């Protein structure tokens, strides 16, 4: 009798774990934990598009991963300048060029950038607030691991869920002027 109760308990526990795994599996797969922390230091940085500047004494999370890409991947859209002397820093990593504000270009967080495997390919970005979509070319990485130095314009590492977009992308999504800067969006490979 004791043996039957133990077997029944193990079966019920297994079914409960399977049910929880099925329900929470998407969340577990979509998570990405920090791989370390970067100590910030204050320095003058270009805040042209309301960019964050590193601050002394602040520890910034570093990520080598990003959430799993699916048909409509939730992300945060940020505003970036890809032209010479703008807050994006140097030339784009994918093509070594600068891009105008009107170009439909983006930089992806390190995990989504995937070592450049998405370079010069297009992604589809959706604005859930008005239903508008745009296709934009991946030209750069929004570095989620390094920052707070000259190469990164003294800005902290990007979060692991960032699509850093030109002003042209924001306008195509129906967001103009001071409303551009930070917005929840979805994206997928186009």
C-alpha atoms as a PDB file:
ATOM      1  CA  UNK A   1       0.000   0.000   0.000  1.00  0.00           C
ATOM      2  CA  UNK A   2       2.850   2.376   0.887  1.00  0.00           C
ATOM      3  CA  UNK A   3       4.467   1.642  -2.486  1.00  0.00           C
ATOM      4  CA  UNK A   4       1.233   2.497  -4.360  1.00  0.00           C
ATOM      5  CA  UNK A   5       0.875   5.788  -2.471  1.00  0.00           C
ATOM      6  CA  UNK A   6       4.487   6.737  -3.296  1.00  0.00           C
ATOM      7  CA  UNK A   7       3.955   5.890  -6.981  1.00  0.00           C
ATOM      8  CA  UNK A   8       0.697   7.895  -7.022  1.00  0.00           C
ATOM      9  CA  UNK A   9       2.441  10.855  -5.346  1.00  0.00           C
ATOM     10  CA  UNK A  10       5.324  10.752  -7.852  1.00  0.00           C
ATOM     11  CA  UNK A  11       2.873  10.610 -10.783  1.00  0.00           C
ATOM     12  CA  UNK A  12       0.862  13.558  -9.438  1.00  0.00           C
ATOM     13  CA  UNK A  13       4.063  15.526  -8.820  1.00  0.00           C
ATOM     14  CA  UNK A  14       5.290  14.750 -12.360  1.00  0.00           C
ATOM     15  CA  UNK A  15       2.001  15.906 -13.893  1.00  0.00           C
ATOM     16  CA  UNK A  16       2.082  19.117 -11.826  1.00  0.00           C
ATOM     17  CA  UNK A  17       5.659  19.849 -12.892  1.00  0.00           C
ATOM     18  CA  UNK A  18       4.789  19.136 -16.538  1.00  0.00           C
ATOM     19  CA  UNK A  19       1.756  21.441 -16.339  1.00  0.00           C
ATOM     20  CA  UNK A  20       3.800  24.244 -14.720  1.00  0.00           C
ATOM     21  CA  UNK A  21       6.616  23.787 -17.232  1.00  0.00           C
ATOM     22  CA  UNK A  22       4.180  23.991 -20.121  1.00  0.00           C
ATOM     23  CA  UNK A  23       2.534  27.135 -18.707  1.00  0.00           C
ATOM     24  CA  UNK A  24       5.772  28.822 -17.616  1.00  0.00           C
ATOM     25  CA  UNK A  25       8.000  27.409 -20.360  1.00  0.00           C
ATOM     26  CA  UNK A  26       7.568  30.445 -22.583  1.00  0.00           C
ATOM     27  CA  UNK A  27       8.552  32.740 -19.729  1.00  0.00           C
ATOM     28  CA  UNK A  28      11.534  30.551 -18.800  1.00  0.00           C
ATOM     29  CA  UNK A  29      12.788  30.431 -22.405  1.00  0.00           C
ATOM     30  CA  UNK A  30      12.283  34.175 -22.810  1.00  0.00           C
ATOM     31  CA  UNK A  31      14.314  35.056 -19.744  1.00  0.00           C
ATOM     32  CA  UNK A  32      17.916  36.109 -19.897  1.00  0.00           C
ATOM     33  CA  UNK A  33      19.908  36.722 -16.758  1.00  0.00           C
ATOM     34  CA  UNK A  34      22.774  39.197 -16.425  1.00  0.00           C
ATOM     35  CA  UNK A  35      26.190  37.698 -17.096  1.00  0.00           C
ATOM     36  CA  UNK A  36      27.895  40.300 -14.912  1.00  0.00           C
ATOM     37  CA  UNK A  37      27.890  43.921 -13.816  1.00  0.00           C
ATOM     38  CA  UNK A  38      29.850  46.925 -15.042  1.00  0.00           C
ATOM     39  CA  UNK A  39      30.878  49.648 -12.612  1.00  0.00           C
ATOM     40  CA  UNK A  40      29.956  53.029 -14.013  1.00  0.00           C
ATOM     41  CA  UNK A  41      32.035  56.187 -13.936  1.00  0.00           C
ATOM     42  CA  UNK A  42      30.840  59.702 -14.627  1.00  0.00           C
ATOM     43  CA  UNK A  43      32.091  61.380 -17.757  1.00  0.00           C
ATOM     44  CA  UNK A  44      30.702  63.841 -20.262  1.00  0.00           C
ATOM     45  CA  UNK A  45      28.568  62.062 -22.871  1.00  0.00           C
ATOM     46  CA  UNK A  46      26.429  63.028 -25.845  1.00  0.00           C
ATOM     47  CA  UNK A  47      22.807  63.267 -24.701  1.00  0.00           C
ATOM     48  CA  UNK A  48      21.455  64.348 -28.085  1.00  0.00           C
ATOM     49  CA  UNK A  49      18.529  61.871 -28.041  1.00  0.00           C
ATOM     50  CA  UNK A  50      18.089  61.866 -24.246  1.00  0.00           C
ATOM     51  CA  UNK A  51      20.756  59.166 -23.978  1.00  0.00           C
ATOM     52  CA  UNK A  52      21.649  57.908 -20.516  1.00  0.00           C
ATOM     53  CA  UNK A  53      25.124  58.710 -19.259  1.00  0.00           C
ATOM     54  CA  UNK A  54      27.114  56.450 -16.963  1.00  0.00           C
ATOM     55  CA  UNK A  55      27.189  57.500 -13.336  1.00  0.00           C
ATOM     56  CA  UNK A  56      29.903  56.780 -10.808  1.00  0.00           C
ATOM     57  CA  UNK A  57      28.958  54.221  -8.190  1.00  0.00           C
ATOM     58  CA  UNK A  58      26.217  52.635 -10.308  1.00  0.00           C
ATOM     59  CA  UNK A  59      26.518  48.971 -11.308  1.00  0.00           C
ATOM     60  CA  UNK A  60      25.039  48.302 -14.739  1.00  0.00           C
ATOM     61  CA  UNK A  61      23.891  44.782 -15.677  1.00  0.00           C
ATOM     62  CA  UNK A  62      25.699  43.177 -18.613  1.00  0.00           C
ATOM     63  CA  UNK A  63      24.014  40.718 -20.974  1.00  0.00           C
ATOM     64  CA  UNK A  64      25.386  38.367 -23.605  1.00  0.00           C
ATOM     65  CA  UNK A  65      21.880  37.063 -24.321  1.00  0.00           C
ATOM     66  CA  UNK A  66      18.475  38.437 -25.260  1.00  0.00           C
ATOM     67  CA  UNK A  67      14.978  36.962 -25.017  1.00  0.00           C
ATOM     68  CA  UNK A  68      14.072  34.368 -27.639  1.00  0.00           C
ATOM     69  CA  UNK A  69      12.915  35.820 -30.972  1.00  0.00           C
ATOM     70  CA  UNK A  70       9.415  34.808 -32.011  1.00  0.00           C
ATOM     71  CA  UNK A  71       6.729  36.096 -34.373  1.00  0.00           C
ATOM     72  CA  UNK A  72       6.064  39.178 -32.229  1.00  0.00           C
ATOM     73  CA  UNK A  73       8.989  39.619 -29.878  1.00  0.00           C
ATOM     74  CA  UNK A  74       8.341  42.222 -27.159  1.00  0.00           C
ATOM     75  CA  UNK A  75      11.064  44.866 -27.014  1.00  0.00           C
ATOM     76  CA  UNK A  76      11.800  48.447 -26.069  1.00  0.00           C
ATOM     77  CA  UNK A  77      12.333  50.872 -28.932  1.00  0.00           C
ATOM     78  CA  UNK A  78      14.910  53.585 -28.221  1.00  0.00           C
ATOM     79  CA  UNK A  79      16.060  56.528 -30.313  1.00  0.00           C
ATOM     80  CA  UNK A  80      19.602  56.644 -31.682  1.00  0.00           C
ATOM     81  CA  UNK A  81      21.571  58.817 -34.067  1.00  0.00           C
ATOM     82  CA  UNK A  82      23.579  56.811 -36.604  1.00  0.00           C
ATOM     83  CA  UNK A  83      25.214  59.781 -38.358  1.00  0.00           C
ATOM     84  CA  UNK A  84      28.679  61.218 -37.723  1.00  0.00           C
ATOM     85  CA  UNK A  85      29.003  63.056 -34.359  1.00  0.00           C
ATOM     86  CA  UNK A  86      25.603  61.842 -33.123  1.00  0.00           C
ATOM     87  CA  UNK A  87      24.983  59.969 -29.882  1.00  0.00           C
ATOM     88  CA  UNK A  88      25.401  56.549 -31.550  1.00  0.00           C
ATOM     89  CA  UNK A  89      29.173  56.929 -31.570  1.00  0.00           C
ATOM     90  CA  UNK A  90      31.207  55.617 -34.476  1.00  0.00           C
ATOM     91  CA  UNK A  91      30.234  54.100 -37.789  1.00  0.00           C
ATOM     92  CA  UNK A  92      27.755  51.200 -37.840  1.00  0.00           C
ATOM     93  CA  UNK A  93      29.361  47.827 -37.082  1.00  0.00           C
ATOM     94  CA  UNK A  94      27.715  45.986 -39.990  1.00  0.00           C
ATOM     95  CA  UNK A  95      28.791  48.183 -42.875  1.00  0.00           C
ATOM     96  CA  UNK A  96      31.309  50.648 -41.397  1.00  0.00           C
ATOM     97  CA  UNK A  97      29.130  53.549 -42.571  1.00  0.00           C
ATOM     98  CA  UNK A  98      27.195  56.388 -41.017  1.00  0.00           C
ATOM     99  CA  UNK A  99      23.454  56.635 -41.695  1.00  0.00           C
ATOM    100  CA  UNK A 100      21.148  59.647 -41.914  1.00  0.00           C
ATOM    101  CA  UNK A 101      18.322  60.185 -39.437  1.00  0.00           C
ATOM    102  CA  UNK A 102      15.855  59.570 -42.271  1.00  0.00           C
ATOM    103  CA  UNK A 103      17.288  56.082 -43.016  1.00  0.00           C
ATOM    104  CA  UNK A 104      15.260  53.137 -41.703  1.00  0.00           C
ATOM    105  CA  UNK A 105      18.033  51.519 -39.654  1.00  0.00           C
ATOM    106  CA  UNK A 106      18.375  49.884 -36.236  1.00  0.00           C
ATOM    107  CA  UNK A 107      20.866  48.461 -33.774  1.00  0.00           C
ATOM    108  CA  UNK A 108      19.898  45.337 -31.813  1.00  0.00           C
ATOM    109  CA  UNK A 109      20.876  44.269 -28.305  1.00  0.00           C
ATOM    110  CA  UNK A 110      23.898  41.953 -28.229  1.00  0.00           C
ATOM    111  CA  UNK A 111      21.930  38.688 -28.020  1.00  0.00           C
ATOM    112  CA  UNK A 112      19.669  39.597 -30.952  1.00  0.00           C
ATOM    113  CA  UNK A 113      22.579  41.030 -32.933  1.00  0.00           C
ATOM    114  CA  UNK A 114      24.014  37.513 -32.609  1.00  0.00           C
ATOM    115  CA  UNK A 115      27.600  38.335 -33.513  1.00  0.00           C
ATOM    116  CA  UNK A 116      26.480  40.158 -36.651  1.00  0.00           C
ATOM    117  CA  UNK A 117      24.366  37.340 -38.093  1.00  0.00           C
ATOM    118  CA  UNK A 118      21.469  39.781 -38.612  1.00  0.00           C
ATOM    119  CA  UNK A 119      23.687  42.426 -40.255  1.00  0.00           C
ATOM    120  CA  UNK A 120      22.162  44.052 -43.326  1.00  0.00           C
ATOM    121  CA  UNK A 121      18.985  41.986 -42.968  1.00  0.00           C
ATOM    122  CA  UNK A 122      15.575  43.477 -42.301  1.00  0.00           C
ATOM    123  CA  UNK A 123      13.348  43.242 -39.273  1.00  0.00           C
ATOM    124  CA  UNK A 124       9.671  44.153 -39.005  1.00  0.00           C
ATOM    125  CA  UNK A 125       8.785  46.492 -36.145  1.00  0.00           C
ATOM    126  CA  UNK A 126       5.213  46.941 -34.944  1.00  0.00           C
ATOM    127  CA  UNK A 127       3.755  49.815 -32.956  1.00  0.00           C
ATOM    128  CA  UNK A 128       1.006  48.204 -30.842  1.00  0.00           C
ATOM    129  CA  UNK A 129      -0.382  51.644 -29.954  1.00  0.00           C
ATOM    130  CA  UNK A 130      -1.516  52.496 -33.495  1.00  0.00           C
ATOM    131  CA  UNK A 131      -1.010  49.294 -35.526  1.00  0.00           C
ATOM    132  CA  UNK A 132       1.654  50.755 -37.831  1.00  0.00           C
ATOM    133  CA  UNK A 133       4.625  48.648 -38.934  1.00  0.00           C
ATOM    134  CA  UNK A 134       7.948  49.332 -40.634  1.00  0.00           C
ATOM    135  CA  UNK A 135      10.783  47.298 -42.115  1.00  0.00           C
ATOM    136  CA  UNK A 136      14.203  48.459 -40.967  1.00  0.00           C
ATOM    137  CA  UNK A 137      17.723  47.256 -41.729  1.00  0.00           C
ATOM    138  CA  UNK A 138      20.000  46.023 -38.945  1.00  0.00           C
ATOM    139  CA  UNK A 139      23.241  48.001 -39.226  1.00  0.00           C
ATOM    140  CA  UNK A 140      24.682  47.946 -35.719  1.00  0.00           C
ATOM    141  CA  UNK A 141      24.819  46.373 -32.286  1.00  0.00           C
ATOM    142  CA  UNK A 142      23.385  48.010 -29.188  1.00  0.00           C
ATOM    143  CA  UNK A 143      26.108  46.621 -26.935  1.00  0.00           C
ATOM    144  CA  UNK A 144      24.572  44.939 -23.894  1.00  0.00           C
ATOM    145  CA  UNK A 145      27.901  43.973 -22.375  1.00  0.00           C
ATOM    146  CA  UNK A 146      30.271  46.942 -22.671  1.00  0.00           C
ATOM    147  CA  UNK A 147      29.840  50.643 -21.998  1.00  0.00           C
ATOM    148  CA  UNK A 148      30.853  53.653 -19.885  1.00  0.00           C
ATOM    149  CA  UNK A 149      33.890  54.304 -22.111  1.00  0.00           C
ATOM    150  CA  UNK A 150      34.887  56.401 -25.144  1.00  0.00           C
ATOM    151  CA  UNK A 151      33.873  53.677 -27.615  1.00  0.00           C
ATOM    152  CA  UNK A 152      30.320  53.746 -26.216  1.00  0.00           C
ATOM    153  CA  UNK A 153      30.041  57.524 -25.794  1.00  0.00           C
ATOM    154  CA  UNK A 154      30.152  57.028 -21.990  1.00  0.00           C
ATOM    155  CA  UNK A 155      26.703  55.433 -22.082  1.00  0.00           C
ATOM    156  CA  UNK A 156      25.861  52.313 -20.047  1.00  0.00           C
ATOM    157  CA  UNK A 157      25.378  48.914 -21.697  1.00  0.00           C
ATOM    158  CA  UNK A 158      22.032  48.488 -23.470  1.00  0.00           C
ATOM    159  CA  UNK A 159      19.407  46.365 -21.828  1.00  0.00           C
ATOM    160  CA  UNK A 160      18.953  42.930 -23.413  1.00  0.00           C
ATOM    161  CA  UNK A 161      15.650  43.793 -25.130  1.00  0.00           C
ATOM    162  CA  UNK A 162      16.496  46.926 -27.130  1.00  0.00           C
ATOM    163  CA  UNK A 163      15.788  47.862 -30.735  1.00  0.00           C
ATOM    164  CA  UNK A 164      17.712  51.147 -31.061  1.00  0.00           C
ATOM    165  CA  UNK A 165      16.190  52.983 -34.029  1.00  0.00           C
ATOM    166  CA  UNK A 166      16.801  56.013 -36.212  1.00  0.00           C
ATOM    167  CA  UNK A 167      14.393  58.941 -36.226  1.00  0.00           C
ATOM    168  CA  UNK A 168      13.150  57.672 -39.616  1.00  0.00           C
ATOM    169  CA  UNK A 169      11.930  54.440 -38.005  1.00  0.00           C
ATOM    170  CA  UNK A 170      10.113  56.386 -35.298  1.00  0.00           C
ATOM    171  CA  UNK A 171       8.405  58.576 -37.911  1.00  0.00           C
ATOM    172  CA  UNK A 172       7.380  55.538 -39.967  1.00  0.00           C
ATOM    173  CA  UNK A 173       5.760  54.121 -36.820  1.00  0.00           C
ATOM    174  CA  UNK A 174       3.754  57.336 -36.446  1.00  0.00           C
ATOM    175  CA  UNK A 175       5.722  58.826 -33.555  1.00  0.00           C
ATOM    176  CA  UNK A 176       7.054  62.350 -34.036  1.00  0.00           C
ATOM    177  CA  UNK A 177       8.974  65.014 -32.160  1.00  0.00           C
ATOM    178  CA  UNK A 178       9.434  64.774 -28.416  1.00  0.00           C
ATOM    179  CA  UNK A 179       7.278  61.612 -28.244  1.00  0.00           C
ATOM    180  CA  UNK A 180      10.148  59.645 -29.814  1.00  0.00           C
ATOM    181  CA  UNK A 181      12.611  58.137 -27.382  1.00  0.00           C
ATOM    182  CA  UNK A 182      11.253  55.127 -25.508  1.00  0.00           C
ATOM    183  CA  UNK A 183       8.326  52.855 -26.429  1.00  0.00           C
ATOM    184  CA  UNK A 184       7.176  49.255 -26.094  1.00  0.00           C
ATOM    185  CA  UNK A 185       7.060  47.537 -29.492  1.00  0.00           C
ATOM    186  CA  UNK A 186       7.151  44.100 -31.068  1.00  0.00           C
ATOM    187  CA  UNK A 187       9.558  42.921 -33.753  1.00  0.00           C
ATOM    188  CA  UNK A 188      10.412  39.874 -35.824  1.00  0.00           C
ATOM    189  CA  UNK A 189      12.768  38.913 -38.611  1.00  0.00           C
ATOM    190  CA  UNK A 190      11.279  40.144 -41.899  1.00  0.00           C
END
